[in-house]
Amino acid sequence: MGNQIAASTCDCLSGTNMRETLGCSNMDIILSAEDKGNKFNRCKRYSAMCSQSSLVNANKCMEVKGLPEHTDPDCQCEGGTCFKFNLKRRLREICCRAVEVCKFARLC
């Protein structure tokens, strides 16, 4: 997947491809009050943590008002790869939380 989670559309966030790729199918993610209250920042933060060091400019991407579009150059991933396969459990939880918070933020 070439876009980070925060820049994904509702179709992508709600589809099975991303959830299966990240290993979220068996995870029950419950959003906290903090996740819901700061939905844009939390979406971008979890998404950046999931993509780790592959973002072109994580700091500028975090400064985008609202949520980034998939065309935002600072929020793209270097080499077109935002995710690694076979994620360790803790990182997988962060990625899956990013999907859920971003779905909430985008009103999917």
C-alpha atoms as a PDB file:
ATOM      1  CA  MET A   1       0.000   0.000   0.000  1.00  0.00           C
ATOM      2  CA  GLY A   2       1.427   3.313  -1.077  1.00  0.00           C
ATOM      3  CA  ASN A   3      -0.477   5.680   1.223  1.00  0.00           C
ATOM      4  CA  GLN A   4      -0.297   5.886   4.961  1.00  0.00           C
ATOM      5  CA  ILE A   5      -3.496   5.162   6.880  1.00  0.00           C
ATOM      6  CA  ALA A   6      -4.281   8.831   7.645  1.00  0.00           C
ATOM      7  CA  ALA A   7      -4.363   9.636   3.924  1.00  0.00           C
ATOM      8  CA  SER A   8      -6.582   6.690   3.011  1.00  0.00           C
ATOM      9  CA  THR A   9     -10.156   7.074   1.800  1.00  0.00           C
ATOM     10  CA  CYS A  10     -13.184   5.640   3.589  1.00  0.00           C
ATOM     11  CA  ASP A  11     -13.429   2.890   0.973  1.00  0.00           C
ATOM     12  CA  CYS A  12      -9.897   1.813   1.745  1.00  0.00           C
ATOM     13  CA  LEU A  13     -10.258   2.147   5.534  1.00  0.00           C
ATOM     14  CA  SER A  14     -13.528   0.231   5.583  1.00  0.00           C
ATOM     15  CA  GLY A  15     -12.447  -2.454   3.132  1.00  0.00           C
ATOM     16  CA  THR A  16     -11.054  -5.847   3.978  1.00  0.00           C
ATOM     17  CA  ASN A  17      -7.753  -5.481   2.100  1.00  0.00           C
ATOM     18  CA  MET A  18      -6.149  -3.072   4.570  1.00  0.00           C
ATOM     19  CA  ARG A  19      -7.446  -4.929   7.627  1.00  0.00           C
ATOM     20  CA  GLU A  20      -6.170  -8.242   6.282  1.00  0.00           C
ATOM     21  CA  THR A  21      -2.807  -6.793   5.225  1.00  0.00           C
ATOM     22  CA  LEU A  22      -2.247  -5.301   8.672  1.00  0.00           C
ATOM     23  CA  GLY A  23      -3.650  -8.314  10.527  1.00  0.00           C
ATOM     24  CA  CYS A  24      -6.578  -6.448  12.109  1.00  0.00           C
ATOM     25  CA  SER A  25      -9.278  -9.001  11.374  1.00  0.00           C
ATOM     26  CA  ASN A  26      -9.027 -10.630  14.816  1.00  0.00           C
ATOM     27  CA  MET A  27      -8.519  -7.433  16.818  1.00  0.00           C
ATOM     28  CA  ASP A  28     -11.291  -5.689  18.710  1.00  0.00           C
ATOM     29  CA  ILE A  29     -10.205  -2.049  18.908  1.00  0.00           C
ATOM     30  CA  ILE A  30     -12.176   0.180  21.260  1.00  0.00           C
ATOM     31  CA  LEU A  31     -11.535   3.898  20.872  1.00  0.00           C
ATOM     32  CA  SER A  32     -10.785   5.844  24.025  1.00  0.00           C
ATOM     33  CA  ALA A  33     -12.263   9.241  24.867  1.00  0.00           C
ATOM     34  CA  GLU A  34      -8.854  10.727  23.997  1.00  0.00           C
ATOM     35  CA  ASP A  35      -8.926   9.019  20.581  1.00  0.00           C
ATOM     36  CA  LYS A  36     -12.372  10.427  19.883  1.00  0.00           C
ATOM     37  CA  GLY A  37     -11.663  13.883  21.325  1.00  0.00           C
ATOM     38  CA  ASN A  38      -8.455  14.413  19.351  1.00  0.00           C
ATOM     39  CA  LYS A  39      -9.443  12.334  16.356  1.00  0.00           C
ATOM     40  CA  PHE A  40      -7.388  14.167  13.715  1.00  0.00           C
ATOM     41  CA  ASN A  41      -4.172  14.286  15.733  1.00  0.00           C
ATOM     42  CA  ARG A  42      -4.606  10.708  16.943  1.00  0.00           C
ATOM     43  CA  CYS A  43      -5.283   9.469  13.423  1.00  0.00           C
ATOM     44  CA  LYS A  44      -2.145  11.162  12.098  1.00  0.00           C
ATOM     45  CA  ARG A  45      -0.045  10.083  15.085  1.00  0.00           C
ATOM     46  CA  TYR A  46      -1.026   6.407  15.002  1.00  0.00           C
ATOM     47  CA  SER A  47      -0.691   6.388  11.234  1.00  0.00           C
ATOM     48  CA  ALA A  48       2.814   7.863  11.404  1.00  0.00           C
ATOM     49  CA  MET A  49       3.777   5.347  14.093  1.00  0.00           C
ATOM     50  CA  CYS A  50       2.490   2.539  11.892  1.00  0.00           C
ATOM     51  CA  SER A  51       4.409   3.747   8.854  1.00  0.00           C
ATOM     52  CA  GLN A  52       7.436   4.357  11.070  1.00  0.00           C
ATOM     53  CA  SER A  53      10.342   5.949   9.268  1.00  0.00           C
ATOM     54  CA  SER A  54       8.959   5.577   5.754  1.00  0.00           C
ATOM     55  CA  LEU A  55       7.096   8.923   5.678  1.00  0.00           C
ATOM     56  CA  VAL A  56       8.713  11.584   3.512  1.00  0.00           C
ATOM     57  CA  ASN A  57       8.312  14.249   6.221  1.00  0.00           C
ATOM     58  CA  ALA A  58       6.484  13.076   9.349  1.00  0.00           C
ATOM     59  CA  ASN A  59       6.717  16.471  11.089  1.00  0.00           C
ATOM     60  CA  LYS A  60       5.161  18.396   8.191  1.00  0.00           C
ATOM     61  CA  CYS A  61       2.565  15.680   7.752  1.00  0.00           C
ATOM     62  CA  MET A  62       1.544  16.044  11.413  1.00  0.00           C
ATOM     63  CA  GLU A  63       1.093  19.805  10.842  1.00  0.00           C
ATOM     64  CA  VAL A  64      -1.488  19.335   8.062  1.00  0.00           C
ATOM     65  CA  LYS A  65      -4.842  20.781   9.145  1.00  0.00           C
ATOM     66  CA  GLY A  66      -7.383  18.040   9.492  1.00  0.00           C
ATOM     67  CA  LEU A  67      -6.377  14.881   7.687  1.00  0.00           C
ATOM     68  CA  PRO A  68      -3.928  14.678   4.787  1.00  0.00           C
ATOM     69  CA  GLU A  69      -5.077  13.876   1.280  1.00  0.00           C
ATOM     70  CA  HIS A  70      -3.496  10.941  -0.513  1.00  0.00           C
ATOM     71  CA  THR A  71      -1.734  13.422  -2.817  1.00  0.00           C
ATOM     72  CA  ASP A  72       0.002  15.368  -0.024  1.00  0.00           C
ATOM     73  CA  PRO A  73       3.743  15.032  -0.845  1.00  0.00           C
ATOM     74  CA  ASP A  74       4.943  15.228   2.783  1.00  0.00           C
ATOM     75  CA  CYS A  75       2.582  12.449   3.817  1.00  0.00           C
ATOM     76  CA  GLN A  76       3.649  10.003   1.125  1.00  0.00           C
ATOM     77  CA  CYS A  77       5.870   7.063   1.939  1.00  0.00           C
ATOM     78  CA  GLU A  78       9.325   6.744   0.465  1.00  0.00           C
ATOM     79  CA  GLY A  79       9.487   4.101  -2.224  1.00  0.00           C
ATOM     80  CA  GLY A  80       5.692   3.789  -2.172  1.00  0.00           C
ATOM     81  CA  THR A  81       5.698   1.347   0.757  1.00  0.00           C
ATOM     82  CA  CYS A  82       4.033   2.448   3.985  1.00  0.00           C
ATOM     83  CA  PHE A  83       3.621  -0.888   5.715  1.00  0.00           C
ATOM     84  CA  LYS A  84       5.710  -3.903   6.469  1.00  0.00           C
ATOM     85  CA  PHE A  85       4.230  -7.360   6.529  1.00  0.00           C
ATOM     86  CA  ASN A  86       4.455  -9.677   9.540  1.00  0.00           C
ATOM     87  CA  LEU A  87       4.188  -6.829  12.033  1.00  0.00           C
ATOM     88  CA  LYS A  88       4.977  -7.541  15.662  1.00  0.00           C
ATOM     89  CA  ARG A  89       1.909  -7.534  17.898  1.00  0.00           C
ATOM     90  CA  ARG A  90       2.427  -4.061  19.452  1.00  0.00           C
ATOM     91  CA  LEU A  91       2.967  -2.365  16.080  1.00  0.00           C
ATOM     92  CA  ARG A  92       0.033  -4.263  14.598  1.00  0.00           C
ATOM     93  CA  GLU A  93      -2.166  -2.937  17.431  1.00  0.00           C
ATOM     94  CA  ILE A  94      -1.021   0.626  16.663  1.00  0.00           C
ATOM     95  CA  CYS A  95      -1.742   0.170  12.943  1.00  0.00           C
ATOM     96  CA  CYS A  96      -5.167  -1.296  13.623  1.00  0.00           C
ATOM     97  CA  ARG A  97      -5.942   1.529  16.067  1.00  0.00           C
ATOM     98  CA  ALA A  98      -4.904   3.975  13.333  1.00  0.00           C
ATOM     99  CA  VAL A  99      -7.429   2.390  10.963  1.00  0.00           C
ATOM    100  CA  GLU A 100     -10.244   2.688  13.501  1.00  0.00           C
ATOM    101  CA  VAL A 101      -9.426   6.250  14.632  1.00  0.00           C
ATOM    102  CA  CYS A 102      -9.045   7.406  11.022  1.00  0.00           C
ATOM    103  CA  LYS A 103     -12.382   5.819  10.093  1.00  0.00           C
ATOM    104  CA  PHE A 104     -13.931   7.740  12.982  1.00  0.00           C
ATOM    105  CA  ALA A 105     -12.181  10.979  11.983  1.00  0.00           C
ATOM    106  CA  ARG A 106     -13.278  10.663   8.346  1.00  0.00           C
ATOM    107  CA  LEU A 107     -16.840   9.795   9.405  1.00  0.00           C
ATOM    108  CA  CYS A 108     -16.731   6.499   7.526  1.00  0.00           C
END
